C-alpha atoms as a PDB file:
ATOM      1  CA  UNK A   1     -13.328   9.867 -14.593  1.00  0.00           C
ATOM      2  CA  UNK A   2     -15.818  13.022 -15.767  1.00  0.00           C
ATOM      3  CA  UNK A   3     -15.348  14.673 -12.229  1.00  0.00           C
ATOM      4  CA  UNK A   4     -11.509  14.972 -13.357  1.00  0.00           C
ATOM      5  CA  UNK A   5     -12.471  16.404 -16.607  1.00  0.00           C
ATOM      6  CA  UNK A   6     -14.645  18.968 -15.083  1.00  0.00           C
ATOM      7  CA  UNK A   7     -12.335  20.050 -12.591  1.00  0.00           C
ATOM      8  CA  UNK A   8      -9.411  20.646 -15.187  1.00  0.00           C
ATOM      9  CA  UNK A   9     -11.301  21.141 -18.312  1.00  0.00           C
ATOM     10  CA  UNK A  10     -14.791  22.917 -17.219  1.00  0.00           C
ATOM     11  CA  UNK A  11     -16.357  21.453 -20.459  1.00  0.00           C
ATOM     12  CA  UNK A  12     -19.915  21.926 -20.605  1.00  0.00           C
ATOM     13  CA  UNK A  13     -20.631  18.658 -21.697  1.00  0.00           C
ATOM     14  CA  UNK A  14     -18.602  16.712 -18.990  1.00  0.00           C
ATOM     15  CA  UNK A  15     -20.474  19.023 -16.507  1.00  0.00           C
ATOM     16  CA  UNK A  16     -23.822  18.096 -17.627  1.00  0.00           C
ATOM     17  CA  UNK A  17     -22.908  14.139 -17.312  1.00  0.00           C
ATOM     18  CA  UNK A  18     -21.536  14.734 -13.898  1.00  0.00           C
ATOM     19  CA  UNK A  19     -24.795  15.905 -12.717  1.00  0.00           C
ATOM     20  CA  UNK A  20     -26.858  13.568 -14.494  1.00  0.00           C
ATOM     21  CA  UNK A  21     -24.615  10.407 -13.233  1.00  0.00           C
ATOM     22  CA  UNK A  22     -24.349   9.668 -17.365  1.00  0.00           C
ATOM     23  CA  UNK A  23     -21.340   7.959 -18.276  1.00  0.00           C
ATOM     24  CA  UNK A  24     -19.524   7.715 -15.120  1.00  0.00           C
ATOM     25  CA  UNK A  25     -17.312   4.987 -13.550  1.00  0.00           C
ATOM     26  CA  UNK A  26     -16.832   4.377 -10.003  1.00  0.00           C
ATOM     27  CA  UNK A  27     -14.915   6.201  -7.399  1.00  0.00           C
ATOM     28  CA  UNK A  28     -13.359   4.090  -4.059  1.00  0.00           C
ATOM     29  CA  UNK A  29     -12.662   6.559  -1.565  1.00  0.00           C
ATOM     30  CA  UNK A  30     -10.904   5.374   1.408  1.00  0.00           C
ATOM     31  CA  UNK A  31      -9.701   6.407   4.810  1.00  0.00           C
ATOM     32  CA  UNK A  32      -8.148   4.991   7.923  1.00  0.00           C
ATOM     33  CA  UNK A  33      -9.771   7.949   9.917  1.00  0.00           C
ATOM     34  CA  UNK A  34     -13.653   7.170  10.686  1.00  0.00           C
ATOM     35  CA  UNK A  35     -13.922  10.852  11.113  1.00  0.00           C
ATOM     36  CA  UNK A  36     -12.877  11.454   7.967  1.00  0.00           C
ATOM     37  CA  UNK A  37     -14.906   8.856   6.311  1.00  0.00           C
ATOM     38  CA  UNK A  38     -17.741  10.334   7.724  1.00  0.00           C
ATOM     39  CA  UNK A  39     -16.674  13.877   6.264  1.00  0.00           C
ATOM     40  CA  UNK A  40     -16.654  12.431   2.776  1.00  0.00           C
ATOM     41  CA  UNK A  41     -19.893  10.650   3.105  1.00  0.00           C
ATOM     42  CA  UNK A  42     -21.653  13.343   4.133  1.00  0.00           C
ATOM     43  CA  UNK A  43     -19.993  15.542   1.006  1.00  0.00           C
ATOM     44  CA  UNK A  44     -20.868  12.615  -1.039  1.00  0.00           C
ATOM     45  CA  UNK A  45     -24.224  12.406  -0.253  1.00  0.00           C
ATOM     46  CA  UNK A  46     -25.133  15.852  -2.447  1.00  0.00           C
ATOM     47  CA  UNK A  47     -23.902  14.399  -5.684  1.00  0.00           C
ATOM     48  CA  UNK A  48     -27.088  12.909  -7.436  1.00  0.00           C
ATOM     49  CA  UNK A  49     -26.685   9.173  -9.040  1.00  0.00           C
ATOM     50  CA  UNK A  50     -23.041   8.893  -7.996  1.00  0.00           C
ATOM     51  CA  UNK A  51     -21.093   5.844  -8.293  1.00  0.00           C
ATOM     52  CA  UNK A  52     -19.269   6.465  -5.464  1.00  0.00           C
ATOM     53  CA  UNK A  53     -18.170   3.660  -2.508  1.00  0.00           C
ATOM     54  CA  UNK A  54     -16.611   5.259   0.822  1.00  0.00           C
ATOM     55  CA  UNK A  55     -14.776   2.752   2.467  1.00  0.00           C
ATOM     56  CA  UNK A  56     -12.868   2.825   6.069  1.00  0.00           C
ATOM     57  CA  UNK A  57     -10.085   0.324   6.156  1.00  0.00           C
ATOM     58  CA  UNK A  58      -6.197  -0.021   6.058  1.00  0.00           C
ATOM     59  CA  UNK A  59      -5.142   1.056   2.215  1.00  0.00           C
ATOM     60  CA  UNK A  60      -2.077  -1.811   2.659  1.00  0.00           C
ATOM     61  CA  UNK A  61      -4.920  -4.590   2.884  1.00  0.00           C
ATOM     62  CA  UNK A  62      -7.611  -2.773   0.921  1.00  0.00           C
ATOM     63  CA  UNK A  63      -9.867  -5.326  -0.828  1.00  0.00           C
ATOM     64  CA  UNK A  64      -9.959  -6.573  -4.298  1.00  0.00           C
ATOM     65  CA  UNK A  65     -13.402  -5.534  -5.884  1.00  0.00           C
ATOM     66  CA  UNK A  66     -14.735  -8.332  -8.268  1.00  0.00           C
ATOM     67  CA  UNK A  67     -17.132  -8.281 -10.642  1.00  0.00           C
ATOM     68  CA  UNK A  68     -20.343 -10.171 -10.199  1.00  0.00           C
ATOM     69  CA  UNK A  69     -21.209 -12.690 -12.423  1.00  0.00           C
ATOM     70  CA  UNK A  70     -17.534 -12.639 -14.401  1.00  0.00           C
ATOM     71  CA  UNK A  71     -15.191 -12.944 -10.901  1.00  0.00           C
ATOM     72  CA  UNK A  72     -12.416 -10.658 -12.325  1.00  0.00           C
ATOM     73  CA  UNK A  73     -10.974  -8.300 -10.157  1.00  0.00           C
ATOM     74  CA  UNK A  74     -11.936  -4.603 -11.096  1.00  0.00           C
ATOM     75  CA  UNK A  75      -9.032  -2.518 -11.804  1.00  0.00           C
ATOM     76  CA  UNK A  76      -9.242   1.525 -11.465  1.00  0.00           C
ATOM     77  CA  UNK A  77      -7.903   3.820 -14.561  1.00  0.00           C
ATOM     78  CA  UNK A  78      -6.870   6.415 -11.954  1.00  0.00           C
ATOM     79  CA  UNK A  79      -5.846   6.381  -8.480  1.00  0.00           C
ATOM     80  CA  UNK A  80      -4.586   9.224  -6.252  1.00  0.00           C
ATOM     81  CA  UNK A  81      -2.532   7.919  -3.624  1.00  0.00           C
ATOM     82  CA  UNK A  82      -2.486  10.616  -0.581  1.00  0.00           C
ATOM     83  CA  UNK A  83      -0.037   8.800   1.767  1.00  0.00           C
ATOM     84  CA  UNK A  84       0.763   9.785   5.694  1.00  0.00           C
ATOM     85  CA  UNK A  85       3.786  12.162   5.682  1.00  0.00           C
ATOM     86  CA  UNK A  86       6.815  11.682   7.375  1.00  0.00           C
ATOM     87  CA  UNK A  87       6.651  15.502   8.616  1.00  0.00           C
ATOM     88  CA  UNK A  88       9.963  16.380   7.022  1.00  0.00           C
ATOM     89  CA  UNK A  89       8.498  18.737   4.292  1.00  0.00           C
ATOM     90  CA  UNK A  90       7.215  20.565   7.602  1.00  0.00           C
ATOM     91  CA  UNK A  91      10.657  21.611   9.162  1.00  0.00           C
ATOM     92  CA  UNK A  92      11.018  24.798   7.460  1.00  0.00           C
ATOM     93  CA  UNK A  93       7.854  26.209   9.343  1.00  0.00           C
ATOM     94  CA  UNK A  94       9.550  26.750  12.616  1.00  0.00           C
ATOM     95  CA  UNK A  95      11.879  25.783  15.283  1.00  0.00           C
ATOM     96  CA  UNK A  96       9.455  23.790  17.408  1.00  0.00           C
ATOM     97  CA  UNK A  97       8.782  21.335  14.806  1.00  0.00           C
ATOM     98  CA  UNK A  98      12.612  20.738  14.096  1.00  0.00           C
ATOM     99  CA  UNK A  99      13.560  20.350  17.600  1.00  0.00           C
ATOM    100  CA  UNK A 100      10.919  17.776  17.380  1.00  0.00           C
ATOM    101  CA  UNK A 101      11.404  15.864  14.453  1.00  0.00           C
ATOM    102  CA  UNK A 102      12.999  12.544  14.466  1.00  0.00           C
ATOM    103  CA  UNK A 103      14.704  10.844  11.606  1.00  0.00           C
ATOM    104  CA  UNK A 104      13.971   7.434  12.942  1.00  0.00           C
ATOM    105  CA  UNK A 105       9.969   8.109  12.917  1.00  0.00           C
ATOM    106  CA  UNK A 106      10.662   9.517   9.474  1.00  0.00           C
ATOM    107  CA  UNK A 107      12.018   6.553   8.030  1.00  0.00           C
ATOM    108  CA  UNK A 108       9.411   4.374  10.109  1.00  0.00           C
ATOM    109  CA  UNK A 109       6.708   6.168   7.805  1.00  0.00           C
ATOM    110  CA  UNK A 110       8.682   5.167   4.606  1.00  0.00           C
ATOM    111  CA  UNK A 111       7.843   1.968   4.906  1.00  0.00           C
ATOM    112  CA  UNK A 112       4.035   2.136   5.410  1.00  0.00           C
ATOM    113  CA  UNK A 113       3.951   4.886   2.273  1.00  0.00           C
ATOM    114  CA  UNK A 114       5.856   2.143   0.077  1.00  0.00           C
ATOM    115  CA  UNK A 115       3.349  -0.639   1.176  1.00  0.00           C
ATOM    116  CA  UNK A 116       0.339   1.677   0.418  1.00  0.00           C
ATOM    117  CA  UNK A 117       2.029   2.878  -2.989  1.00  0.00           C
ATOM    118  CA  UNK A 118       2.522  -1.266  -3.752  1.00  0.00           C
ATOM    119  CA  UNK A 119      -1.436  -1.651  -2.963  1.00  0.00           C
ATOM    120  CA  UNK A 120      -2.603   1.020  -5.394  1.00  0.00           C
ATOM    121  CA  UNK A 121      -0.089  -0.119  -8.239  1.00  0.00           C
ATOM    122  CA  UNK A 122      -1.689  -3.445  -7.842  1.00  0.00           C
ATOM    123  CA  UNK A 123      -5.201  -1.883  -8.089  1.00  0.00           C
ATOM    124  CA  UNK A 124      -4.155  -0.260 -11.269  1.00  0.00           C
ATOM    125  CA  UNK A 125      -5.482  -0.799 -14.583  1.00  0.00           C
ATOM    126  CA  UNK A 126      -2.581  -1.351 -17.283  1.00  0.00           C
ATOM    127  CA  UNK A 127      -1.478   1.813 -18.540  1.00  0.00           C
ATOM    128  CA  UNK A 128      -3.866   3.655 -15.903  1.00  0.00           C
ATOM    129  CA  UNK A 129      -2.317   6.562 -13.735  1.00  0.00           C
ATOM    130  CA  UNK A 130      -1.530   7.004 -10.479  1.00  0.00           C
ATOM    131  CA  UNK A 131      -0.797  10.359  -8.591  1.00  0.00           C
ATOM    132  CA  UNK A 132       1.156  10.030  -5.790  1.00  0.00           C
ATOM    133  CA  UNK A 133       1.083  12.535  -2.588  1.00  0.00           C
ATOM    134  CA  UNK A 134       2.287  12.710   0.731  1.00  0.00           C
END
């Protein structure tokens, strides 16, 4: 994805391609929160000729995309999988958080995290890169 090249390498050729929409693949952005989806859509509208699709779906059941004529499933070369946080990393921030956090709730989030990751891996192309973040 040229946008990734632009962010990390600041390559002028990549920057030109990014702005013109030339040579770009497709970016699929998904969030279960309608409010965050609307915010993303407002931001993406500023990018001319971008191949961006924004969905408001439960990531565990994200539908497969298919090529129009050939019917095969589209696989992605790069996926950023930003799953809900279990909250255990925020315990160091304060006494109040420590007293309210419950192991059972943290463990219940784990099942959701794994299901989202499994779906992301199903959508990943062979030799693709999946970045997992909580």
